[in-house]
Amino acid sequence: MSVDSAVLAQARRWYWQRISAMVLALCVLVHIVTMIVAVRGGLSAAEILTRTQGNWAFAAFYAVFVLACAVHVPIGVASVAREWWQWSERAALLLARGAGLLLLTLGLRAVWAVFGAGS
């Protein structure tokens, strides 16, 4: 990879981490407010789970949340691996891709399990 393409790749990662951080900030805020309202409204975990079953809005919201995490976290993991652990660019990116794939797989599986719970 040439110096120019490495700088461009780093700039793209910076961009995507910032965009995903904005999405995450909104998702975290909505999630926390929703949980506070639900719990203060007297809903139990079972009642909340009942409301999420088959709810496409729930599934779409949390799928976006998971996707934002799967974009954001690996970029940070790669940076930590390069800067703190002195890993090569290639090794750091391999670790990051694995972390992203794991987050995406487990996160979407959890969304699907809650969306379709009891079916």
N, C-alpha and C. Protein backbone atom coordinates (compact mmCIF):
# COMPACT_ATOMS: atom_id res chain seq x y z
N MET A 1 0.85 -1.17 0.00
CA MET A 1 0.00 0.00 0.00
C MET A 1 0.91 1.24 0.00
N SER A 2 0.66 2.15 -0.91
CA SER A 2 1.47 3.36 -0.98
C SER A 2 1.11 4.29 0.18
N VAL A 3 1.95 5.28 0.39
CA VAL A 3 1.74 6.25 1.47
C VAL A 3 0.41 6.98 1.26
N ASP A 4 0.14 7.40 0.03
CA ASP A 4 -1.11 8.11 -0.26
C ASP A 4 -2.33 7.26 0.02
N SER A 5 -2.30 6.00 -0.41
CA SER A 5 -3.46 5.14 -0.17
C SER A 5 -3.59 4.80 1.32
N ALA A 6 -2.49 4.70 2.04
CA ALA A 6 -2.56 4.45 3.49
C ALA A 6 -3.17 5.64 4.20
N VAL A 7 -2.80 6.84 3.80
CA VAL A 7 -3.36 8.05 4.40
C VAL A 7 -4.84 8.16 4.08
N LEU A 8 -5.20 7.84 2.84
CA LEU A 8 -6.61 7.87 2.43
C LEU A 8 -7.42 6.84 3.21
N ALA A 9 -6.88 5.64 3.39
CA ALA A 9 -7.57 4.60 4.15
C ALA A 9 -7.76 5.04 5.61
N GLN A 10 -6.74 5.66 6.18
CA GLN A 10 -6.85 6.15 7.56
C GLN A 10 -7.90 7.26 7.66
N ALA A 11 -7.94 8.13 6.67
CA ALA A 11 -8.95 9.20 6.66
C ALA A 11 -10.36 8.63 6.55
N ARG A 12 -10.52 7.59 5.74
CA ARG A 12 -11.84 6.93 5.63
C ARG A 12 -12.25 6.31 6.96
N ARG A 13 -11.31 5.64 7.62
CA ARG A 13 -11.62 5.04 8.92
C ARG A 13 -12.01 6.12 9.92
N TRP A 14 -11.30 7.24 9.93
CA TRP A 14 -11.62 8.36 10.82
C TRP A 14 -13.04 8.84 10.56
N TYR A 15 -13.37 9.01 9.28
CA TYR A 15 -14.71 9.45 8.88
C TYR A 15 -15.78 8.48 9.37
N TRP A 16 -15.59 7.20 9.10
CA TRP A 16 -16.60 6.21 9.49
C TRP A 16 -16.72 6.08 11.01
N GLN A 17 -15.64 6.25 11.72
CA GLN A 17 -15.73 6.19 13.17
C GLN A 17 -16.53 7.37 13.69
N ARG A 18 -16.35 8.55 13.11
CA ARG A 18 -17.11 9.73 13.55
C ARG A 18 -18.59 9.61 13.21
N ILE A 19 -18.89 9.14 12.01
CA ILE A 19 -20.29 8.96 11.61
C ILE A 19 -20.96 7.92 12.50
N SER A 20 -20.29 6.80 12.74
CA SER A 20 -20.87 5.76 13.58
C SER A 20 -21.02 6.25 15.02
N ALA A 21 -20.12 7.12 15.48
CA ALA A 21 -20.25 7.68 16.84
C ALA A 21 -21.51 8.54 16.94
N MET A 22 -21.83 9.27 15.90
CA MET A 22 -23.05 10.08 15.92
C MET A 22 -24.29 9.20 15.99
N VAL A 23 -24.29 8.13 15.20
CA VAL A 23 -25.42 7.19 15.23
C VAL A 23 -25.51 6.53 16.60
N LEU A 24 -24.37 6.12 17.15
CA LEU A 24 -24.35 5.49 18.47
C LEU A 24 -24.85 6.43 19.55
N ALA A 25 -24.46 7.69 19.50
CA ALA A 25 -24.91 8.65 20.50
C ALA A 25 -26.44 8.75 20.50
N LEU A 26 -27.02 8.82 19.32
CA LEU A 26 -28.48 8.88 19.22
C LEU A 26 -29.12 7.58 19.71
N CYS A 27 -28.56 6.44 19.30
CA CYS A 27 -29.11 5.14 19.71
C CYS A 27 -29.03 4.94 21.22
N VAL A 28 -27.90 5.30 21.81
CA VAL A 28 -27.75 5.16 23.26
C VAL A 28 -28.76 6.04 23.99
N LEU A 29 -28.93 7.26 23.52
CA LEU A 29 -29.89 8.17 24.14
C LEU A 29 -31.31 7.61 24.06
N VAL A 30 -31.72 7.17 22.89
CA VAL A 30 -33.06 6.60 22.72
C VAL A 30 -33.22 5.36 23.58
N HIS A 31 -32.21 4.50 23.61
CA HIS A 31 -32.27 3.27 24.40
C HIS A 31 -32.43 3.58 25.90
N ILE A 32 -31.61 4.48 26.41
CA ILE A 32 -31.66 4.80 27.84
C ILE A 32 -32.99 5.45 28.21
N VAL A 33 -33.44 6.40 27.41
CA VAL A 33 -34.72 7.06 27.69
C VAL A 33 -35.85 6.04 27.66
N THR A 34 -35.83 5.17 26.66
CA THR A 34 -36.87 4.14 26.55
C THR A 34 -36.87 3.22 27.77
N MET A 35 -35.69 2.81 28.21
CA MET A 35 -35.61 1.92 29.38
C MET A 35 -36.10 2.62 30.65
N ILE A 36 -35.72 3.87 30.82
CA ILE A 36 -36.15 4.62 32.00
C ILE A 36 -37.67 4.77 32.00
N VAL A 37 -38.22 5.15 30.86
CA VAL A 37 -39.68 5.32 30.77
C VAL A 37 -40.38 4.00 31.02
N ALA A 38 -39.87 2.91 30.44
CA ALA A 38 -40.50 1.60 30.61
C ALA A 38 -40.46 1.14 32.06
N VAL A 39 -39.32 1.27 32.70
CA VAL A 39 -39.17 0.81 34.08
C VAL A 39 -39.98 1.69 35.04
N ARG A 40 -39.90 2.99 34.84
CA ARG A 40 -40.69 3.89 35.70
C ARG A 40 -42.18 3.74 35.46
N GLY A 41 -42.54 3.27 34.27
CA GLY A 41 -43.95 3.02 33.96
C GLY A 41 -44.44 1.71 34.53
N GLY A 42 -43.55 0.98 35.19
CA GLY A 42 -43.95 -0.25 35.85
C GLY A 42 -43.87 -1.50 35.00
N LEU A 43 -43.28 -1.41 33.84
CA LEU A 43 -43.18 -2.60 32.99
C LEU A 43 -42.10 -3.55 33.51
N SER A 44 -42.42 -4.81 33.53
CA SER A 44 -41.43 -5.82 33.91
C SER A 44 -40.63 -6.22 32.67
N ALA A 45 -39.57 -6.98 32.89
CA ALA A 45 -38.77 -7.47 31.76
C ALA A 45 -39.62 -8.33 30.84
N ALA A 46 -40.48 -9.15 31.41
CA ALA A 46 -41.36 -10.00 30.60
C ALA A 46 -42.33 -9.16 29.76
N GLU A 47 -42.85 -8.09 30.33
CA GLU A 47 -43.76 -7.22 29.58
C GLU A 47 -43.02 -6.48 28.46
N ILE A 48 -41.80 -6.06 28.74
CA ILE A 48 -41.00 -5.40 27.71
C ILE A 48 -40.71 -6.39 26.57
N LEU A 49 -40.34 -7.61 26.93
CA LEU A 49 -40.06 -8.63 25.93
C LEU A 49 -41.29 -8.91 25.07
N THR A 50 -42.45 -8.94 25.69
CA THR A 50 -43.70 -9.16 24.95
C THR A 50 -43.91 -8.06 23.92
N ARG A 51 -43.58 -6.84 24.27
CA ARG A 51 -43.76 -5.70 23.35
C ARG A 51 -42.75 -5.71 22.20
N THR A 52 -41.61 -6.34 22.39
CA THR A 52 -40.60 -6.36 21.32
C THR A 52 -40.85 -7.47 20.31
N GLN A 53 -41.57 -8.50 20.71
CA GLN A 53 -41.82 -9.64 19.82
C GLN A 53 -42.61 -9.20 18.60
N GLY A 54 -42.04 -9.44 17.43
CA GLY A 54 -42.72 -9.10 16.19
C GLY A 54 -42.77 -7.62 15.88
N ASN A 55 -42.09 -6.80 16.67
CA ASN A 55 -42.10 -5.36 16.46
C ASN A 55 -40.97 -4.98 15.51
N TRP A 56 -41.34 -4.67 14.26
CA TRP A 56 -40.34 -4.36 13.24
C TRP A 56 -39.59 -3.07 13.54
N ALA A 57 -40.24 -2.11 14.17
CA ALA A 57 -39.55 -0.86 14.53
C ALA A 57 -38.43 -1.14 15.53
N PHE A 58 -38.74 -1.99 16.52
CA PHE A 58 -37.73 -2.41 17.49
C PHE A 58 -36.55 -3.07 16.76
N ALA A 59 -36.87 -4.03 15.91
CA ALA A 59 -35.82 -4.78 15.22
C ALA A 59 -34.97 -3.86 14.35
N ALA A 60 -35.60 -2.94 13.64
CA ALA A 60 -34.85 -2.02 12.77
C ALA A 60 -33.96 -1.09 13.60
N PHE A 61 -34.51 -0.54 14.68
CA PHE A 61 -33.73 0.36 15.53
C PHE A 61 -32.50 -0.35 16.08
N TYR A 62 -32.68 -1.53 16.67
CA TYR A 62 -31.55 -2.23 17.27
C TYR A 62 -30.60 -2.81 16.23
N ALA A 63 -31.08 -3.12 15.04
CA ALA A 63 -30.19 -3.55 13.96
C ALA A 63 -29.26 -2.39 13.56
N VAL A 64 -29.80 -1.18 13.50
CA VAL A 64 -28.97 0.00 13.22
C VAL A 64 -27.96 0.20 14.34
N PHE A 65 -28.41 0.02 15.58
CA PHE A 65 -27.53 0.14 16.75
C PHE A 65 -26.37 -0.85 16.64
N VAL A 66 -26.68 -2.09 16.33
CA VAL A 66 -25.66 -3.14 16.18
C VAL A 66 -24.72 -2.81 15.03
N LEU A 67 -25.25 -2.38 13.91
CA LEU A 67 -24.42 -2.04 12.76
C LEU A 67 -23.46 -0.90 13.10
N ALA A 68 -23.96 0.12 13.80
CA ALA A 68 -23.09 1.23 14.20
C ALA A 68 -21.97 0.74 15.12
N CYS A 69 -22.29 -0.16 16.03
CA CYS A 69 -21.26 -0.75 16.91
C CYS A 69 -20.24 -1.54 16.10
N ALA A 70 -20.73 -2.32 15.13
CA ALA A 70 -19.86 -3.16 14.32
C ALA A 70 -18.95 -2.34 13.41
N VAL A 71 -19.31 -1.09 13.15
CA VAL A 71 -18.44 -0.19 12.39
C VAL A 71 -17.49 0.54 13.33
N HIS A 72 -18.01 1.04 14.43
CA HIS A 72 -17.26 1.90 15.33
C HIS A 72 -16.16 1.17 16.12
N VAL A 73 -16.52 0.09 16.75
CA VAL A 73 -15.60 -0.60 17.66
C VAL A 73 -14.35 -1.13 16.96
N PRO A 74 -14.48 -1.80 15.82
CA PRO A 74 -13.27 -2.34 15.18
C PRO A 74 -12.24 -1.27 14.80
N ILE A 75 -12.70 -0.09 14.44
CA ILE A 75 -11.77 0.98 14.08
C ILE A 75 -10.95 1.36 15.32
N GLY A 76 -11.60 1.45 16.46
CA GLY A 76 -10.90 1.74 17.71
C GLY A 76 -9.98 0.61 18.12
N VAL A 77 -10.43 -0.62 17.94
CA VAL A 77 -9.60 -1.79 18.28
C VAL A 77 -8.34 -1.79 17.42
N ALA A 78 -8.47 -1.50 16.14
CA ALA A 78 -7.30 -1.46 15.26
C ALA A 78 -6.33 -0.36 15.69
N SER A 79 -6.87 0.78 16.07
CA SER A 79 -6.01 1.88 16.53
C SER A 79 -5.25 1.50 17.80
N VAL A 80 -5.94 0.86 18.73
CA VAL A 80 -5.29 0.42 19.97
C VAL A 80 -4.21 -0.61 19.65
N ALA A 81 -4.52 -1.55 18.78
CA ALA A 81 -3.54 -2.59 18.43
C ALA A 81 -2.30 -1.97 17.79
N ARG A 82 -2.49 -0.99 16.93
CA ARG A 82 -1.33 -0.34 16.28
C ARG A 82 -0.56 0.54 17.24
N GLU A 83 -1.27 1.40 17.98
CA GLU A 83 -0.60 2.43 18.79
C GLU A 83 -0.09 1.91 20.14
N TRP A 84 -0.86 1.08 20.81
CA TRP A 84 -0.47 0.63 22.14
C TRP A 84 0.32 -0.67 22.11
N TRP A 85 -0.09 -1.58 21.27
CA TRP A 85 0.53 -2.90 21.24
C TRP A 85 1.58 -3.03 20.15
N GLN A 86 1.74 -1.98 19.32
CA GLN A 86 2.73 -1.95 18.25
C GLN A 86 2.52 -3.06 17.21
N TRP A 87 1.27 -3.40 16.96
CA TRP A 87 0.97 -4.40 15.94
C TRP A 87 1.15 -3.78 14.56
N SER A 88 1.41 -4.63 13.59
CA SER A 88 1.49 -4.15 12.20
C SER A 88 0.10 -3.73 11.74
N GLU A 89 0.05 -2.94 10.69
CA GLU A 89 -1.23 -2.50 10.11
C GLU A 89 -2.08 -3.70 9.73
N ARG A 90 -1.46 -4.66 9.09
CA ARG A 90 -2.19 -5.86 8.63
C ARG A 90 -2.78 -6.64 9.80
N ALA A 91 -1.98 -6.87 10.83
CA ALA A 91 -2.46 -7.62 11.99
C ALA A 91 -3.59 -6.86 12.71
N ALA A 92 -3.42 -5.55 12.84
CA ALA A 92 -4.44 -4.74 13.50
C ALA A 92 -5.75 -4.77 12.73
N LEU A 93 -5.67 -4.70 11.41
CA LEU A 93 -6.89 -4.73 10.60
C LEU A 93 -7.56 -6.11 10.62
N LEU A 94 -6.76 -7.15 10.68
CA LEU A 94 -7.33 -8.51 10.80
C LEU A 94 -8.08 -8.66 12.12
N LEU A 95 -7.46 -8.19 13.20
CA LEU A 95 -8.12 -8.22 14.50
C LEU A 95 -9.42 -7.41 14.45
N ALA A 96 -9.36 -6.22 13.86
CA ALA A 96 -10.52 -5.34 13.77
C ALA A 96 -11.64 -6.00 12.98
N ARG A 97 -11.30 -6.59 11.87
CA ARG A 97 -12.34 -7.25 11.05
C ARG A 97 -12.97 -8.40 11.80
N GLY A 98 -12.17 -9.15 12.53
CA GLY A 98 -12.72 -10.24 13.34
C GLY A 98 -13.64 -9.72 14.42
N ALA A 99 -13.23 -8.64 15.09
CA ALA A 99 -14.07 -8.04 16.14
C ALA A 99 -15.37 -7.51 15.54
N GLY A 100 -15.28 -6.88 14.39
CA GLY A 100 -16.48 -6.35 13.74
C GLY A 100 -17.44 -7.45 13.33
N LEU A 101 -16.91 -8.51 12.77
CA LEU A 101 -17.75 -9.63 12.36
C LEU A 101 -18.40 -10.30 13.57
N LEU A 102 -17.64 -10.46 14.64
CA LEU A 102 -18.19 -11.04 15.87
C LEU A 102 -19.31 -10.17 16.44
N LEU A 103 -19.07 -8.87 16.53
CA LEU A 103 -20.11 -7.95 17.03
C LEU A 103 -21.36 -7.98 16.16
N LEU A 104 -21.16 -7.96 14.86
CA LEU A 104 -22.30 -7.97 13.94
C LEU A 104 -23.10 -9.26 14.07
N THR A 105 -22.40 -10.38 14.11
CA THR A 105 -23.07 -11.68 14.20
C THR A 105 -23.83 -11.84 15.51
N LEU A 106 -23.14 -11.60 16.62
CA LEU A 106 -23.78 -11.77 17.93
C LEU A 106 -24.88 -10.73 18.16
N GLY A 107 -24.64 -9.50 17.72
CA GLY A 107 -25.63 -8.45 17.91
C GLY A 107 -26.90 -8.69 17.13
N LEU A 108 -26.77 -9.04 15.85
CA LEU A 108 -27.96 -9.30 15.04
C LEU A 108 -28.68 -10.56 15.50
N ARG A 109 -27.91 -11.51 15.99
CA ARG A 109 -28.54 -12.73 16.53
C ARG A 109 -29.37 -12.39 17.78
N ALA A 110 -28.85 -11.50 18.62
CA ALA A 110 -29.59 -11.07 19.81
C ALA A 110 -30.85 -10.30 19.42
N VAL A 111 -30.73 -9.41 18.44
CA VAL A 111 -31.91 -8.66 17.97
C VAL A 111 -32.97 -9.64 17.46
N TRP A 112 -32.54 -10.60 16.67
CA TRP A 112 -33.48 -11.57 16.11
C TRP A 112 -34.12 -12.41 17.23
N ALA A 113 -33.34 -12.78 18.22
CA ALA A 113 -33.86 -13.60 19.31
C ALA A 113 -34.92 -12.84 20.11
N VAL A 114 -34.70 -11.56 20.35
CA VAL A 114 -35.66 -10.78 21.10
C VAL A 114 -36.88 -10.45 20.24
N PHE A 115 -36.66 -10.15 18.97
CA PHE A 115 -37.74 -9.84 18.05
C PHE A 115 -38.68 -11.03 17.88
N GLY A 116 -38.08 -12.20 17.76
CA GLY A 116 -38.89 -13.40 17.51
C GLY A 116 -39.09 -14.28 18.74
N ALA A 117 -38.78 -13.76 19.93
CA ALA A 117 -38.88 -14.56 21.17
C ALA A 117 -40.27 -15.15 21.31
N GLY A 118 -40.30 -16.39 21.66
CA GLY A 118 -41.58 -17.06 21.92
C GLY A 118 -42.25 -17.59 20.67
N SER A 119 -41.66 -17.31 19.46
CA SER A 119 -42.32 -17.81 18.26
C SER A 119 -41.79 -19.15 17.85
